[in-house]
Amino acid sequence: MKKILAALSFVLLFTACSSTKEIAYFQDIQKDGQTTVTPQLIKLRPQDKITILVNTRNQELTNMFNLPYVSRQLGTQISGYGTSQGVSCYTIDDNGDIDFPELGKIHVEGMTRNEVAKCVKDKLISSNLVKDAVVTVEFANLSYSILGEVKTPARYNINRDYVTILDAISEAGDLTIQGQRTNIKVLRNNEDGEQQCYIVNLCSLEDLYKSPAYYLQQNDIVYVEPNKMRARQSTVNGNNVRSSSFWMSLASLIATVINIAIR
């Protein structure tokens, strides 16, 4: 009887527990090891929206270079120019251009946030419009999505120059224990409009750093697949011979029968 109970306990532990090798991140990391990764900055694409705020010592000049905005609150309407309270957005057209006040068309496709700020400032100075401009550029509608076995699947905004897949996972509250660490999929639209799929392995730091999807881009979709145990649990309430709940129920029944027989 004791041998049977010990065997059942072993089966329960084997079926209920996940291997550490399937859960731990960065398993190949070396003690005191150093790795250099060059940040991949977000570059603008058509249909992206950005805000551009120009500040100068002359308020009239400042108003010339900032888009007016309209704020409506409780039936009231407040109009003004770009300030810390409100800034209108530029939408990059299909040709990769924005239409900037006094300067006209500016091609910004493929530029980073700081490159756009420098380009606008240089054009303002070279056109003798202003000499002391401070130009600030921010992303307005850039985002990525993370789905599947994470704590908080959702669409998240991009508000800095680069975002890694680790930033995305952290933002979503980390993977659940049922999330598959070695087969995370990142779906991305390339410049030709075709969708590419990259596989990311969180268990290997070397593979992670080498992946083209380590740095995310706008509109990327990160999908975390469920592991085999989670997939089994989702089939008919997990009530089949391959599920841990089946074996736990069977073990409980056998233990009850043995208990009655002993008594």
Protein backbone atom coordinates (compact mmCIF):
# COMPACT_ATOMS: atom_id res chain seq x y z
CA MET A 1 0.00 0.00 0.00
CA LYS A 2 2.80 2.41 0.93
CA LYS A 3 4.56 1.73 -2.38
CA ILE A 4 1.36 2.47 -4.30
CA LEU A 5 0.81 5.73 -2.43
CA ALA A 6 4.45 6.76 -3.01
CA ALA A 7 4.10 6.03 -6.73
CA LEU A 8 0.91 8.07 -6.93
CA SER A 9 2.58 10.97 -5.13
CA PHE A 10 5.42 10.87 -7.65
CA VAL A 11 2.98 10.93 -10.55
CA LEU A 12 1.19 13.92 -9.05
CA LEU A 13 4.42 15.86 -8.59
CA PHE A 14 5.58 14.98 -12.10
CA THR A 15 2.36 16.07 -13.77
CA ALA A 16 1.67 19.16 -11.65
CA CYS A 17 5.09 20.78 -11.70
CA SER A 18 6.82 22.51 -14.60
CA SER A 19 10.49 22.03 -15.25
CA THR A 20 12.77 24.88 -14.17
CA LYS A 21 14.38 24.72 -17.61
CA GLU A 22 11.05 25.75 -19.12
CA ILE A 23 10.54 28.72 -16.78
CA ALA A 24 13.86 30.42 -15.93
CA TYR A 25 15.00 33.34 -18.10
CA PHE A 26 18.57 33.81 -19.37
CA GLN A 27 19.81 30.32 -18.54
CA ASP A 28 23.05 30.76 -20.49
CA ILE A 29 24.09 33.95 -18.71
CA GLN A 30 27.69 33.95 -17.48
CA LYS A 31 28.72 35.28 -14.09
CA ASP A 32 30.08 38.84 -14.39
CA GLY A 33 29.60 38.59 -18.16
CA GLN A 34 29.26 41.73 -20.27
CA THR A 35 27.24 42.13 -23.45
CA THR A 36 26.97 45.27 -25.56
CA VAL A 37 23.79 45.87 -27.51
CA THR A 38 23.34 48.90 -29.78
CA PRO A 39 19.91 50.47 -29.21
CA GLN A 40 17.63 50.40 -32.24
CA LEU A 41 15.74 53.69 -32.19
CA ILE A 42 12.15 54.02 -33.36
CA LYS A 43 12.00 55.44 -36.89
CA LEU A 44 8.93 57.18 -38.23
CA ARG A 45 6.64 55.71 -40.89
CA PRO A 46 3.67 56.97 -42.91
CA GLN A 47 0.48 57.35 -40.81
CA ASP A 48 2.48 57.85 -37.62
CA LYS A 49 1.51 60.91 -35.61
CA ILE A 50 3.97 63.21 -33.84
CA THR A 51 3.80 66.47 -31.94
CA ILE A 52 6.32 69.25 -32.65
CA LEU A 53 6.61 72.13 -30.21
CA VAL A 54 8.77 75.15 -31.01
CA ASN A 55 9.75 77.59 -28.27
CA THR A 56 11.50 80.94 -28.76
CA ARG A 57 12.00 84.11 -26.74
CA ASN A 58 9.45 85.87 -28.94
CA GLN A 59 5.91 84.64 -28.22
CA GLU A 60 4.59 85.87 -31.57
CA LEU A 61 7.26 83.88 -33.41
CA THR A 62 6.51 80.88 -31.25
CA ASN A 63 2.84 80.99 -32.23
CA MET A 64 3.80 81.11 -35.92
CA PHE A 65 5.56 77.74 -35.74
CA ASN A 66 3.10 75.84 -33.55
CA LEU A 67 -0.18 74.38 -34.72
CA PRO A 68 -3.26 75.82 -33.04
CA TYR A 69 -5.28 73.45 -30.91
CA VAL A 70 -8.87 73.47 -29.73
CA SER A 71 -9.88 72.10 -26.34
CA ARG A 72 -13.54 71.50 -25.55
CA GLN A 73 -14.59 70.89 -21.97
CA LEU A 74 -18.17 70.85 -20.64
CA GLY A 75 -19.52 72.87 -23.53
CA THR A 76 -16.75 75.47 -23.50
CA GLN A 77 -14.19 75.94 -26.25
CA ILE A 78 -10.63 77.09 -25.63
CA SER A 79 -8.31 77.84 -28.52
CA GLY A 80 -4.59 78.46 -28.44
CA TYR A 81 -1.18 77.35 -29.61
CA GLY A 82 1.09 74.52 -28.59
CA THR A 83 1.80 74.62 -24.87
CA SER A 84 2.33 72.10 -22.11
CA GLN A 85 -1.48 71.87 -21.86
CA GLY A 86 -2.15 70.88 -25.44
CA VAL A 87 -0.36 70.26 -28.73
CA SER A 88 -1.85 69.38 -32.12
CA CYS A 89 -0.43 66.43 -34.01
CA TYR A 90 1.21 66.09 -37.41
CA THR A 91 0.22 62.99 -39.37
CA ILE A 92 2.94 61.72 -41.69
CA ASP A 93 1.41 61.27 -45.15
CA ASP A 94 1.94 58.37 -47.54
CA ASN A 95 4.97 60.13 -49.03
CA GLY A 96 6.59 60.39 -45.60
CA ASP A 97 6.07 64.16 -45.32
CA ILE A 98 4.53 66.61 -42.87
CA ASP A 99 3.34 70.12 -43.69
CA PHE A 100 5.07 72.47 -41.25
CA PRO A 101 4.02 76.13 -40.77
CA GLU A 102 6.22 78.59 -42.69
CA LEU A 103 8.52 75.80 -43.89
CA GLY A 104 6.11 73.74 -45.99
CA LYS A 105 6.71 70.05 -46.72
CA ILE A 106 9.38 68.30 -44.63
CA HIS A 107 10.30 64.67 -45.31
CA VAL A 108 10.51 62.84 -41.95
CA GLU A 109 9.99 59.18 -42.89
CA GLY A 110 12.84 57.03 -41.57
CA MET A 111 13.93 59.69 -39.05
CA THR A 112 14.18 59.28 -35.30
CA ARG A 113 12.51 61.69 -32.90
CA ASN A 114 15.70 63.65 -32.30
CA GLU A 115 16.52 63.77 -36.01
CA VAL A 116 13.16 65.39 -36.73
CA ALA A 117 13.78 67.99 -34.02
CA LYS A 118 17.22 68.80 -35.44
CA CYS A 119 15.88 68.96 -39.01
CA VAL A 120 13.13 71.44 -38.07
CA LYS A 121 15.51 73.59 -36.03
CA ASP A 122 18.12 73.68 -38.82
CA LYS A 123 15.48 74.70 -41.38
CA LEU A 124 14.17 77.47 -39.13
CA ILE A 125 17.68 78.86 -38.69
CA SER A 126 18.73 78.47 -42.34
CA SER A 127 15.55 80.23 -43.46
CA ASN A 128 16.39 83.17 -41.15
CA LEU A 129 13.09 82.77 -39.37
CA VAL A 130 14.50 82.35 -35.89
CA LYS A 131 17.87 81.88 -34.21
CA ASP A 132 17.08 80.71 -30.69
CA ALA A 133 14.50 77.97 -31.31
CA VAL A 134 14.13 74.97 -28.99
CA VAL A 135 12.30 72.17 -30.80
CA THR A 136 10.70 69.24 -28.96
CA VAL A 137 9.27 66.20 -30.76
CA GLU A 138 7.15 63.53 -29.12
CA PHE A 139 5.37 60.41 -30.38
CA ALA A 140 1.58 60.74 -30.43
CA ASN A 141 0.04 57.44 -31.56
CA LEU A 142 2.89 54.90 -31.63
CA SER A 143 2.17 51.64 -29.83
CA TYR A 144 2.65 47.86 -29.72
CA SER A 145 0.38 45.00 -28.61
CA ILE A 146 1.16 42.05 -26.34
CA LEU A 147 -1.22 39.08 -26.21
CA GLY A 148 -1.45 35.57 -24.80
CA GLU A 149 -0.02 34.26 -21.55
CA VAL A 150 0.86 37.54 -19.83
CA LYS A 151 -0.72 39.09 -16.76
CA THR A 152 -2.17 42.13 -18.56
CA PRO A 153 -2.51 41.66 -22.34
CA ALA A 154 -3.21 45.02 -23.98
CA ARG A 155 -2.02 47.68 -26.41
CA TYR A 156 0.70 49.90 -24.93
CA ASN A 157 1.93 53.31 -26.04
CA ILE A 158 5.51 53.96 -27.11
CA ASN A 159 6.71 57.12 -25.39
CA ARG A 160 10.49 56.81 -25.69
CA ASP A 161 13.10 56.35 -28.41
CA TYR A 162 13.40 52.56 -28.12
CA VAL A 163 11.49 49.72 -26.47
CA THR A 164 12.80 46.18 -25.96
CA ILE A 165 10.68 43.04 -25.78
CA LEU A 166 11.69 42.82 -22.10
CA ASP A 167 10.22 46.30 -21.56
CA ALA A 168 7.00 45.10 -23.20
CA ILE A 169 6.80 41.96 -21.04
CA SER A 170 7.50 43.98 -17.92
CA GLU A 171 4.80 46.50 -18.87
CA ALA A 172 2.33 43.62 -19.24
CA GLY A 173 3.14 42.27 -15.77
CA ASP A 174 5.46 39.43 -16.89
CA LEU A 175 4.53 36.06 -18.39
CA THR A 176 2.21 33.75 -16.49
CA ILE A 177 3.66 30.46 -15.27
CA GLN A 178 1.88 28.79 -18.21
CA GLY A 179 3.57 31.03 -20.81
CA GLN A 180 6.03 29.39 -23.19
CA ARG A 181 9.40 31.13 -22.79
CA THR A 182 11.22 29.63 -25.77
CA ASN A 183 8.72 30.34 -28.54
CA ILE A 184 7.47 33.93 -28.22
CA LYS A 185 6.26 35.27 -31.57
CA VAL A 186 6.68 38.86 -32.74
CA LEU A 187 4.60 39.83 -35.79
CA ARG A 188 5.88 42.83 -37.74
CA ASN A 189 4.96 44.55 -41.01
CA ASN A 190 8.03 45.29 -43.13
CA GLU A 191 8.52 48.23 -45.50
CA ASP A 192 6.86 46.31 -48.36
CA GLY A 193 3.71 45.76 -46.32
CA GLU A 194 4.43 42.07 -45.79
CA GLN A 195 4.13 40.56 -42.33
CA GLN A 196 7.15 38.84 -40.82
CA CYS A 197 7.22 36.55 -37.81
CA TYR A 198 10.22 36.40 -35.47
CA ILE A 199 10.72 33.77 -32.76
CA VAL A 200 12.20 34.98 -29.48
CA ASN A 201 13.73 32.68 -26.84
CA LEU A 202 13.79 34.23 -23.37
CA CYS A 203 15.69 31.26 -21.93
CA SER A 204 18.81 32.20 -23.91
CA LEU A 205 20.24 35.67 -23.39
CA GLU A 206 22.55 35.28 -26.39
CA ASP A 207 19.69 34.35 -28.73
CA LEU A 208 17.57 37.16 -27.29
CA TYR A 209 20.18 39.86 -27.97
CA LYS A 210 20.75 38.58 -31.52
CA SER A 211 17.06 38.57 -32.41
CA PRO A 212 15.84 41.29 -34.84
CA ALA A 213 12.77 41.52 -32.58
CA TYR A 214 14.69 42.35 -29.38
CA TYR A 215 13.93 46.01 -30.07
CA LEU A 216 10.26 46.47 -30.90
CA GLN A 217 8.86 48.77 -33.56
CA GLN A 218 5.54 50.57 -33.75
CA ASN A 219 2.55 48.30 -34.45
CA ASP A 220 4.46 45.12 -33.48
CA ILE A 221 2.33 42.31 -32.02
CA VAL A 222 3.93 40.12 -29.32
CA TYR A 223 2.21 36.78 -28.73
CA VAL A 224 3.08 34.44 -25.85
CA GLU A 225 1.92 30.88 -26.51
CA PRO A 226 0.60 28.66 -23.70
CA ASN A 227 2.77 25.70 -22.71
CA LYS A 228 1.61 22.10 -23.17
CA MET A 229 0.11 21.85 -19.70
CA ARG A 230 -1.98 24.98 -20.23
CA ALA A 231 -3.09 23.73 -23.64
CA ARG A 232 -4.17 20.39 -22.14
CA GLN A 233 -6.12 22.15 -19.40
CA SER A 234 -8.10 24.08 -21.99
CA THR A 235 -9.47 20.92 -23.69
CA VAL A 236 -12.80 19.81 -22.23
CA ASN A 237 -11.94 21.36 -18.87
CA GLY A 238 -8.70 19.41 -18.88
CA ASN A 239 -10.58 16.21 -18.12
CA ASN A 240 -8.59 13.74 -20.23
CA VAL A 241 -5.92 11.15 -19.52
CA ARG A 242 -3.08 13.56 -20.33
CA SER A 243 -4.13 16.30 -17.91
CA SER A 244 -2.87 16.74 -14.36
CA SER A 245 -6.44 17.16 -13.07
CA PHE A 246 -7.33 13.69 -14.37
CA TRP A 247 -4.41 12.07 -12.56
CA MET A 248 -5.11 14.04 -9.38
CA SER A 249 -8.74 12.88 -9.42
CA LEU A 250 -7.70 9.30 -10.12
CA ALA A 251 -5.09 9.36 -7.35
CA SER A 252 -7.60 10.78 -4.89
CA LEU A 253 -10.08 8.04 -5.76
CA ILE A 254 -7.50 5.27 -5.40
CA ALA A 255 -6.26 6.69 -2.10
CA THR A 256 -9.84 6.79 -0.77
CA VAL A 257 -10.45 3.15 -1.82
CA ILE A 258 -7.18 2.03 -0.20
CA ASN A 259 -8.07 3.90 3.00
CA ILE A 260 -11.42 2.16 3.17
CA ALA A 261 -9.82 -1.24 2.49
CA ILE A 262 -7.25 -0.76 5.26
CA ARG A 263 -9.90 0.22 7.77
